[in-house]
Amino acid sequence: MTHLDAPDTTPTATESAPDPPPADQRRRGGPVLLLAVVFAVAVVIALLTLAGGDDGPDGQVAEVMAQGGGEPSLGDATLIRRPDGVFAEIDAAAPAPNTYEYPTADMVPPWSEPHPPISPGASDAPEVFTVWLIAFNDPSQCTDGVCDADDVPAGSAARAGVYQIDGRIVTDGQFSFAGGVRLGQTPMAGLPLEDPMSAEVHLAIAPHGRALDGPDGWLQLNWPVGNPTLWWFAEFPVARA
């Protein structure tokens, strides 16, 4: 193999080597290159994020309607639909104790555990709220063209399922809930979620009154109480292209 000799660039006795650039100029290339790499990585991450959600990065947004589904709304709820399930977040103002109607302990479905006594909270006695996700797998079969409590019982044509996705003691006057349902997850009642992209989804916030200690507090945070007239609602219609 033939090798080409590189030209001799060594300065002669009559030539002097060029002075090196100032130190600040030598360092300038490093930060510029680093910034370029960071920018490129940020662009790639942003593109991957936008491509990750079928509903866009923000999902579906719905108002959290006042107790019983009336006005005024308390804030916003967000639902993100993905092929493997749904994820919901609620960020809304919580009603102050004694400003709304409370359920009684006997207002529970047949499949529920008994609920402890319910009493209003106070400024120094926080209250418990739970969040429930109802998925209507076939909303086209909801009675009267509207999906509601009539379409939740077992055997309903809408094939609904009920899941608990969160439960918290609210101490700061704000609803801040988050949770999800994955495909294959067993509901507390009804049928499992079949298709996250075609189900109509409702979120219900249930009040449990003054937070209790011990086993009673565990029951408050993990079992339902009340009925639709006593819940706060956000509704997400079927996603359409």
C-alpha atoms as a PDB file:
ATOM      1  CA  MET A   1       0.000   0.000   0.000  1.00  0.00           C
ATOM      2  CA  THR A   2       1.365   3.417  -0.924  1.00  0.00           C
ATOM      3  CA  HIS A   3       1.424   6.123   1.736  1.00  0.00           C
ATOM      4  CA  LEU A   4       1.364   9.787   0.824  1.00  0.00           C
ATOM      5  CA  ASP A   5       3.868  11.807   2.769  1.00  0.00           C
ATOM      6  CA  ALA A   6       2.371  14.811   4.525  1.00  0.00           C
ATOM      7  CA  PRO A   7       3.987  18.108   3.591  1.00  0.00           C
ATOM      8  CA  ASP A   8       6.573  19.398   6.013  1.00  0.00           C
ATOM      9  CA  THR A   9       5.055  22.395   7.813  1.00  0.00           C
ATOM     10  CA  THR A  10       7.757  22.822  10.439  1.00  0.00           C
ATOM     11  CA  PRO A  11       8.792  26.476  10.558  1.00  0.00           C
ATOM     12  CA  THR A  12      12.273  27.204   9.157  1.00  0.00           C
ATOM     13  CA  ALA A  13      14.880  29.179  10.967  1.00  0.00           C
ATOM     14  CA  THR A  14      13.657  32.324   9.247  1.00  0.00           C
ATOM     15  CA  GLU A  15      10.007  31.631  10.081  1.00  0.00           C
ATOM     16  CA  SER A  16       8.337  31.828  13.467  1.00  0.00           C
ATOM     17  CA  ALA A  17       5.374  29.722  14.597  1.00  0.00           C
ATOM     18  CA  PRO A  18       2.130  31.706  14.843  1.00  0.00           C
ATOM     19  CA  ASP A  19       1.145  32.806  18.293  1.00  0.00           C
ATOM     20  CA  PRO A  20      -1.639  30.721  19.906  1.00  0.00           C
ATOM     21  CA  PRO A  21      -5.043  32.411  20.140  1.00  0.00           C
ATOM     22  CA  PRO A  22      -5.959  34.103  23.399  1.00  0.00           C
ATOM     23  CA  ALA A  23      -7.244  31.806  26.129  1.00  0.00           C
ATOM     24  CA  ASP A  24     -10.804  33.210  25.955  1.00  0.00           C
ATOM     25  CA  GLN A  25     -10.979  32.383  22.235  1.00  0.00           C
ATOM     26  CA  ARG A  26      -9.694  28.849  22.811  1.00  0.00           C
ATOM     27  CA  ARG A  27     -12.417  28.212  25.388  1.00  0.00           C
ATOM     28  CA  ARG A  28     -15.234  29.687  23.327  1.00  0.00           C
ATOM     29  CA  GLY A  29     -15.804  26.587  21.198  1.00  0.00           C
ATOM     30  CA  GLY A  30     -16.552  24.331  24.198  1.00  0.00           C
ATOM     31  CA  PRO A  31     -19.612  26.141  25.565  1.00  0.00           C
ATOM     32  CA  VAL A  32     -20.997  26.776  22.081  1.00  0.00           C
ATOM     33  CA  LEU A  33     -20.745  23.101  21.197  1.00  0.00           C
ATOM     34  CA  LEU A  34     -22.306  22.094  24.533  1.00  0.00           C
ATOM     35  CA  LEU A  35     -25.229  24.459  24.011  1.00  0.00           C
ATOM     36  CA  ALA A  36     -25.808  23.053  20.541  1.00  0.00           C
ATOM     37  CA  VAL A  37     -25.893  19.495  21.892  1.00  0.00           C
ATOM     38  CA  VAL A  38     -28.269  20.445  24.732  1.00  0.00           C
ATOM     39  CA  PHE A  39     -30.605  22.201  22.282  1.00  0.00           C
ATOM     40  CA  ALA A  40     -30.651  19.197  19.961  1.00  0.00           C
ATOM     41  CA  VAL A  41     -31.457  16.823  22.834  1.00  0.00           C
ATOM     42  CA  ALA A  42     -34.260  19.127  24.037  1.00  0.00           C
ATOM     43  CA  VAL A  43     -35.810  19.172  20.563  1.00  0.00           C
ATOM     44  CA  VAL A  44     -35.735  15.368  20.374  1.00  0.00           C
ATOM     45  CA  ILE A  45     -37.337  15.015  23.829  1.00  0.00           C
ATOM     46  CA  ALA A  46     -40.080  17.501  22.906  1.00  0.00           C
ATOM     47  CA  LEU A  47     -40.883  15.630  19.704  1.00  0.00           C
ATOM     48  CA  LEU A  48     -41.024  12.297  21.524  1.00  0.00           C
ATOM     49  CA  THR A  49     -43.322  13.791  24.163  1.00  0.00           C
ATOM     50  CA  LEU A  50     -45.730  15.167  21.585  1.00  0.00           C
ATOM     51  CA  ALA A  51     -45.812  11.842  19.796  1.00  0.00           C
ATOM     52  CA  GLY A  52     -46.484   9.862  22.976  1.00  0.00           C
ATOM     53  CA  GLY A  53     -50.135  10.795  23.641  1.00  0.00           C
ATOM     54  CA  ASP A  54     -53.025  10.043  21.330  1.00  0.00           C
ATOM     55  CA  ASP A  55     -54.977  13.066  22.604  1.00  0.00           C
ATOM     56  CA  GLY A  56     -52.028  15.435  22.419  1.00  0.00           C
ATOM     57  CA  PRO A  57     -49.891  16.419  25.389  1.00  0.00           C
ATOM     58  CA  ASP A  58     -52.767  18.060  27.270  1.00  0.00           C
ATOM     59  CA  GLY A  59     -55.444  15.364  26.876  1.00  0.00           C
ATOM     60  CA  GLN A  60     -59.158  16.099  27.166  1.00  0.00           C
ATOM     61  CA  VAL A  61     -60.198  18.841  29.565  1.00  0.00           C
ATOM     62  CA  ALA A  62     -63.604  19.069  31.266  1.00  0.00           C
ATOM     63  CA  GLU A  63     -65.076  21.259  33.974  1.00  0.00           C
ATOM     64  CA  VAL A  64     -65.666  19.839  37.432  1.00  0.00           C
ATOM     65  CA  MET A  65     -69.319  20.640  37.948  1.00  0.00           C
ATOM     66  CA  ALA A  66     -70.724  21.485  41.359  1.00  0.00           C
ATOM     67  CA  GLN A  67     -72.438  18.911  43.568  1.00  0.00           C
ATOM     68  CA  GLY A  68     -75.109  17.129  41.581  1.00  0.00           C
ATOM     69  CA  GLY A  69     -73.722  18.314  38.250  1.00  0.00           C
ATOM     70  CA  GLY A  70     -74.817  21.943  38.523  1.00  0.00           C
ATOM     71  CA  GLU A  71     -73.089  25.294  38.263  1.00  0.00           C
ATOM     72  CA  PRO A  72     -70.699  26.845  38.946  1.00  0.00           C
ATOM     73  CA  SER A  73     -67.750  24.680  37.986  1.00  0.00           C
ATOM     74  CA  LEU A  74     -65.003  24.244  40.571  1.00  0.00           C
ATOM     75  CA  GLY A  75     -62.086  23.981  38.141  1.00  0.00           C
ATOM     76  CA  ASP A  76     -60.715  21.581  35.541  1.00  0.00           C
ATOM     77  CA  ALA A  77     -60.152  17.856  35.188  1.00  0.00           C
ATOM     78  CA  THR A  78     -57.950  16.285  32.526  1.00  0.00           C
ATOM     79  CA  LEU A  79     -58.187  12.834  30.952  1.00  0.00           C
ATOM     80  CA  ILE A  80     -55.383  11.319  28.885  1.00  0.00           C
ATOM     81  CA  ARG A  81     -56.325   8.324  26.749  1.00  0.00           C
ATOM     82  CA  ARG A  82     -53.684   5.813  25.690  1.00  0.00           C
ATOM     83  CA  PRO A  83     -53.955   2.374  24.081  1.00  0.00           C
ATOM     84  CA  ASP A  84     -53.098   0.725  27.418  1.00  0.00           C
ATOM     85  CA  GLY A  85     -55.447   2.741  29.651  1.00  0.00           C
ATOM     86  CA  VAL A  86     -56.559   6.166  30.847  1.00  0.00           C
ATOM     87  CA  PHE A  87     -55.058   8.650  33.305  1.00  0.00           C
ATOM     88  CA  ALA A  88     -56.954  11.462  35.046  1.00  0.00           C
ATOM     89  CA  GLU A  89     -56.010  14.544  37.044  1.00  0.00           C
ATOM     90  CA  ILE A  90     -58.245  16.997  38.907  1.00  0.00           C
ATOM     91  CA  ASP A  91     -57.199  20.462  40.005  1.00  0.00           C
ATOM     92  CA  ALA A  92     -60.178  22.327  41.430  1.00  0.00           C
ATOM     93  CA  ALA A  93     -61.351  24.311  44.432  1.00  0.00           C
ATOM     94  CA  ALA A  94     -62.660  22.153  47.267  1.00  0.00           C
ATOM     95  CA  PRO A  95     -65.898  23.254  48.947  1.00  0.00           C
ATOM     96  CA  ALA A  96     -65.542  24.499  52.486  1.00  0.00           C
ATOM     97  CA  PRO A  97     -66.977  22.312  55.256  1.00  0.00           C
ATOM     98  CA  ASN A  98     -70.681  22.817  55.942  1.00  0.00           C
ATOM     99  CA  THR A  99     -71.270  24.574  52.596  1.00  0.00           C
ATOM    100  CA  TYR A 100     -72.684  21.546  50.783  1.00  0.00           C
ATOM    101  CA  GLU A 101     -74.932  18.534  51.343  1.00  0.00           C
ATOM    102  CA  TYR A 102     -73.468  15.484  53.070  1.00  0.00           C
ATOM    103  CA  PRO A 103     -74.430  11.836  52.459  1.00  0.00           C
ATOM    104  CA  THR A 104     -75.428   9.517  55.271  1.00  0.00           C
ATOM    105  CA  ALA A 105     -73.477   6.396  56.186  1.00  0.00           C
ATOM    106  CA  ASP A 106     -76.156   4.064  54.776  1.00  0.00           C
ATOM    107  CA  MET A 107     -75.796   5.509  51.243  1.00  0.00           C
ATOM    108  CA  VAL A 108     -73.571   2.721  49.895  1.00  0.00           C
ATOM    109  CA  PRO A 109     -74.002   0.246  47.020  1.00  0.00           C
ATOM    110  CA  PRO A 110     -74.734  -3.420  47.818  1.00  0.00           C
ATOM    111  CA  TRP A 111     -71.167  -4.484  46.987  1.00  0.00           C
ATOM    112  CA  SER A 112     -69.546  -1.936  49.329  1.00  0.00           C
ATOM    113  CA  GLU A 113     -68.193  -2.247  52.839  1.00  0.00           C
ATOM    114  CA  PRO A 114     -70.204  -0.431  55.552  1.00  0.00           C
ATOM    115  CA  HIS A 115     -69.329   3.229  55.912  1.00  0.00           C
ATOM    116  CA  PRO A 116     -68.568   4.856  59.272  1.00  0.00           C
ATOM    117  CA  PRO A 117     -70.699   7.758  60.573  1.00  0.00           C
ATOM    118  CA  ILE A 118     -70.428  11.006  58.603  1.00  0.00           C
ATOM    119  CA  SER A 119     -70.211  14.475  60.103  1.00  0.00           C
ATOM    120  CA  PRO A 120     -69.112  17.844  58.683  1.00  0.00           C
ATOM    121  CA  GLY A 121     -65.534  18.931  59.125  1.00  0.00           C
ATOM    122  CA  ALA A 122     -64.271  22.338  60.157  1.00  0.00           C
ATOM    123  CA  SER A 123     -61.316  24.647  59.640  1.00  0.00           C
ATOM    124  CA  ASP A 124     -59.347  22.564  62.138  1.00  0.00           C
ATOM    125  CA  ALA A 125     -60.898  19.219  61.104  1.00  0.00           C
ATOM    126  CA  PRO A 126     -60.156  18.296  57.471  1.00  0.00           C
ATOM    127  CA  GLU A 127     -62.523  16.255  55.339  1.00  0.00           C
ATOM    128  CA  VAL A 128     -62.106  13.148  53.179  1.00  0.00           C
ATOM    129  CA  PHE A 129     -62.944  12.926  49.470  1.00  0.00           C
ATOM    130  CA  THR A 130     -62.595  10.010  47.066  1.00  0.00           C
ATOM    131  CA  VAL A 131     -62.493   9.989  43.256  1.00  0.00           C
ATOM    132  CA  TRP A 132     -64.239   7.391  41.125  1.00  0.00           C
ATOM    133  CA  LEU A 133     -63.860   6.711  37.418  1.00  0.00           C
ATOM    134  CA  ILE A 134     -66.845   5.287  35.549  1.00  0.00           C
ATOM    135  CA  ALA A 135     -66.098   3.921  32.074  1.00  0.00           C
ATOM    136  CA  PHE A 136     -69.046   3.311  29.735  1.00  0.00           C
ATOM    137  CA  ASN A 137     -67.604   0.835  27.239  1.00  0.00           C
ATOM    138  CA  ASP A 138     -70.484   1.261  24.777  1.00  0.00           C
ATOM    139  CA  PRO A 139     -71.887   4.774  25.229  1.00  0.00           C
ATOM    140  CA  SER A 140     -74.119   4.325  22.186  1.00  0.00           C
ATOM    141  CA  GLN A 141     -76.223   1.986  24.359  1.00  0.00           C
ATOM    142  CA  CYS A 142     -76.748   4.440  27.230  1.00  0.00           C
ATOM    143  CA  THR A 143     -80.417   4.916  28.008  1.00  0.00           C
ATOM    144  CA  ASP A 144     -82.077   8.111  26.781  1.00  0.00           C
ATOM    145  CA  GLY A 145     -78.922   8.912  24.815  1.00  0.00           C
ATOM    146  CA  VAL A 146     -77.166  10.070  28.000  1.00  0.00           C
ATOM    147  CA  CYS A 147     -74.737   8.026  30.087  1.00  0.00           C
ATOM    148  CA  ASP A 148     -75.625   8.322  33.780  1.00  0.00           C
ATOM    149  CA  ALA A 149     -76.409   6.290  36.888  1.00  0.00           C
ATOM    150  CA  ASP A 150     -79.071   4.278  35.021  1.00  0.00           C
ATOM    151  CA  ASP A 151     -76.335   2.739  32.891  1.00  0.00           C
ATOM    152  CA  VAL A 152     -73.993   1.659  35.703  1.00  0.00           C
ATOM    153  CA  PRO A 153     -75.789  -1.388  37.234  1.00  0.00           C
ATOM    154  CA  ALA A 154     -74.614  -4.861  36.249  1.00  0.00           C
ATOM    155  CA  GLY A 155     -76.107  -6.072  32.986  1.00  0.00           C
ATOM    156  CA  SER A 156     -76.567  -2.604  31.507  1.00  0.00           C
ATOM    157  CA  ALA A 157     -76.217  -2.382  27.749  1.00  0.00           C
ATOM    158  CA  ALA A 158     -73.538   0.311  28.075  1.00  0.00           C
ATOM    159  CA  ARG A 159     -71.246  -2.230  29.856  1.00  0.00           C
ATOM    160  CA  ALA A 160     -70.030   0.209  32.499  1.00  0.00           C
ATOM    161  CA  GLY A 161     -67.293  -0.329  35.059  1.00  0.00           C
ATOM    162  CA  VAL A 162     -66.538   1.576  38.280  1.00  0.00           C
ATOM    163  CA  TYR A 163     -63.010   2.149  39.605  1.00  0.00           C
ATOM    164  CA  GLN A 164     -61.611   4.119  42.512  1.00  0.00           C
ATOM    165  CA  ILE A 165     -58.581   6.117  41.360  1.00  0.00           C
ATOM    166  CA  ASP A 166     -57.795   8.311  44.394  1.00  0.00           C
ATOM    167  CA  GLY A 167     -58.774   9.219  47.927  1.00  0.00           C
ATOM    168  CA  ARG A 168     -57.350  11.995  50.100  1.00  0.00           C
ATOM    169  CA  ILE A 169     -57.762  14.114  53.193  1.00  0.00           C
ATOM    170  CA  VAL A 170     -58.157  17.674  51.902  1.00  0.00           C
ATOM    171  CA  THR A 171     -56.458  20.236  54.119  1.00  0.00           C
ATOM    172  CA  ASP A 172     -55.728  23.202  51.837  1.00  0.00           C
ATOM    173  CA  GLY A 173     -59.083  23.963  50.195  1.00  0.00           C
ATOM    174  CA  GLN A 174     -57.999  22.415  46.914  1.00  0.00           C
ATOM    175  CA  PHE A 175     -58.883  19.192  45.093  1.00  0.00           C
ATOM    176  CA  SER A 176     -55.616  17.736  43.776  1.00  0.00           C
ATOM    177  CA  PHE A 177     -56.274  14.184  42.633  1.00  0.00           C
ATOM    178  CA  ALA A 178     -54.596  11.864  40.144  1.00  0.00           C
ATOM    179  CA  GLY A 179     -54.959   8.239  39.122  1.00  0.00           C
ATOM    180  CA  GLY A 180     -55.525   5.882  36.248  1.00  0.00           C
ATOM    181  CA  VAL A 181     -57.064   2.674  34.991  1.00  0.00           C
ATOM    182  CA  ARG A 182     -55.135   0.172  32.885  1.00  0.00           C
ATOM    183  CA  LEU A 183     -56.494  -2.412  30.497  1.00  0.00           C
ATOM    184  CA  GLY A 184     -57.180  -5.652  32.332  1.00  0.00           C
ATOM    185  CA  GLN A 185     -57.607  -3.930  35.708  1.00  0.00           C
ATOM    186  CA  THR A 186     -60.507  -5.364  37.703  1.00  0.00           C
ATOM    187  CA  PRO A 187     -63.178  -2.761  38.575  1.00  0.00           C
ATOM    188  CA  MET A 188     -64.832  -2.516  41.965  1.00  0.00           C
ATOM    189  CA  ALA A 189     -68.143  -3.002  40.170  1.00  0.00           C
ATOM    190  CA  GLY A 190     -69.259  -3.715  36.616  1.00  0.00           C
ATOM    191  CA  LEU A 191     -67.086  -4.668  33.648  1.00  0.00           C
ATOM    192  CA  PRO A 192     -63.421  -3.896  32.907  1.00  0.00           C
ATOM    193  CA  LEU A 193     -62.390  -1.091  30.584  1.00  0.00           C
ATOM    194  CA  GLU A 194     -62.391  -2.474  27.031  1.00  0.00           C
ATOM    195  CA  ASP A 195     -61.105   0.322  24.782  1.00  0.00           C
ATOM    196  CA  PRO A 196     -59.691   3.546  26.265  1.00  0.00           C
ATOM    197  CA  MET A 197     -60.171   5.384  22.992  1.00  0.00           C
ATOM    198  CA  SER A 198     -63.902   4.682  22.570  1.00  0.00           C
ATOM    199  CA  ALA A 199     -65.252   4.634  26.144  1.00  0.00           C
ATOM    200  CA  GLU A 200     -67.109   7.567  27.625  1.00  0.00           C
ATOM    201  CA  VAL A 201     -65.474   8.400  30.949  1.00  0.00           C
ATOM    202  CA  HIS A 202     -66.936  10.186  33.974  1.00  0.00           C
ATOM    203  CA  LEU A 203     -65.102  11.257  37.120  1.00  0.00           C
ATOM    204  CA  ALA A 204     -67.045  11.555  40.379  1.00  0.00           C
ATOM    205  CA  ILE A 205     -65.794  13.151  43.605  1.00  0.00           C
ATOM    206  CA  ALA A 206     -67.551  11.785  46.689  1.00  0.00           C
ATOM    207  CA  PRO A 207     -67.567  13.521  50.113  1.00  0.00           C
ATOM    208  CA  HIS A 208     -66.976  11.446  53.249  1.00  0.00           C
ATOM    209  CA  GLY A 209     -67.125  14.172  55.879  1.00  0.00           C
ATOM    210  CA  ARG A 210     -64.748  14.752  58.769  1.00  0.00           C
ATOM    211  CA  ALA A 211     -61.600  12.605  58.571  1.00  0.00           C
ATOM    212  CA  LEU A 212     -61.637   9.786  61.121  1.00  0.00           C
ATOM    213  CA  ASP A 213     -58.804   7.817  62.688  1.00  0.00           C
ATOM    214  CA  GLY A 214     -57.886   4.147  62.514  1.00  0.00           C
ATOM    215  CA  PRO A 215     -60.004   1.573  60.623  1.00  0.00           C
ATOM    216  CA  ASP A 216     -62.812   4.088  60.092  1.00  0.00           C
ATOM    217  CA  GLY A 217     -60.398   6.412  58.324  1.00  0.00           C
ATOM    218  CA  TRP A 218     -59.250   3.551  56.081  1.00  0.00           C
ATOM    219  CA  LEU A 219     -62.879   2.815  55.136  1.00  0.00           C
ATOM    220  CA  GLN A 220     -63.453   6.483  54.294  1.00  0.00           C
ATOM    221  CA  LEU A 221     -60.501   6.559  51.910  1.00  0.00           C
ATOM    222  CA  ASN A 222     -61.194   3.274  50.158  1.00  0.00           C
ATOM    223  CA  TRP A 223     -64.955   2.742  49.778  1.00  0.00           C
ATOM    224  CA  PRO A 224     -67.821   4.666  48.146  1.00  0.00           C
ATOM    225  CA  VAL A 225     -70.596   6.649  49.726  1.00  0.00           C
ATOM    226  CA  GLY A 226     -73.461   8.829  48.512  1.00  0.00           C
ATOM    227  CA  ASN A 227     -75.191   8.999  45.146  1.00  0.00           C
ATOM    228  CA  PRO A 228     -74.900  11.137  41.982  1.00  0.00           C
ATOM    229  CA  THR A 229     -76.875  14.020  43.497  1.00  0.00           C
ATOM    230  CA  LEU A 230     -74.163  14.365  46.160  1.00  0.00           C
ATOM    231  CA  TRP A 231     -71.086  14.045  43.935  1.00  0.00           C
ATOM    232  CA  TRP A 232     -69.063  16.506  41.865  1.00  0.00           C
ATOM    233  CA  PHE A 233     -68.703  15.434  38.224  1.00  0.00           C
ATOM    234  CA  ALA A 234     -66.474  15.823  35.169  1.00  0.00           C
ATOM    235  CA  GLU A 235     -67.524  14.121  31.932  1.00  0.00           C
ATOM    236  CA  PHE A 236     -65.383  13.141  28.950  1.00  0.00           C
ATOM    237  CA  PRO A 237     -67.221  12.177  25.772  1.00  0.00           C
ATOM    238  CA  VAL A 238     -65.898   9.617  23.337  1.00  0.00           C
ATOM    239  CA  ALA A 239     -62.675  10.667  21.617  1.00  0.00           C
ATOM    240  CA  ARG A 240     -63.260  11.284  17.934  1.00  0.00           C
ATOM    241  CA  ALA A 241     -60.795  11.768  15.106  1.00  0.00           C
END
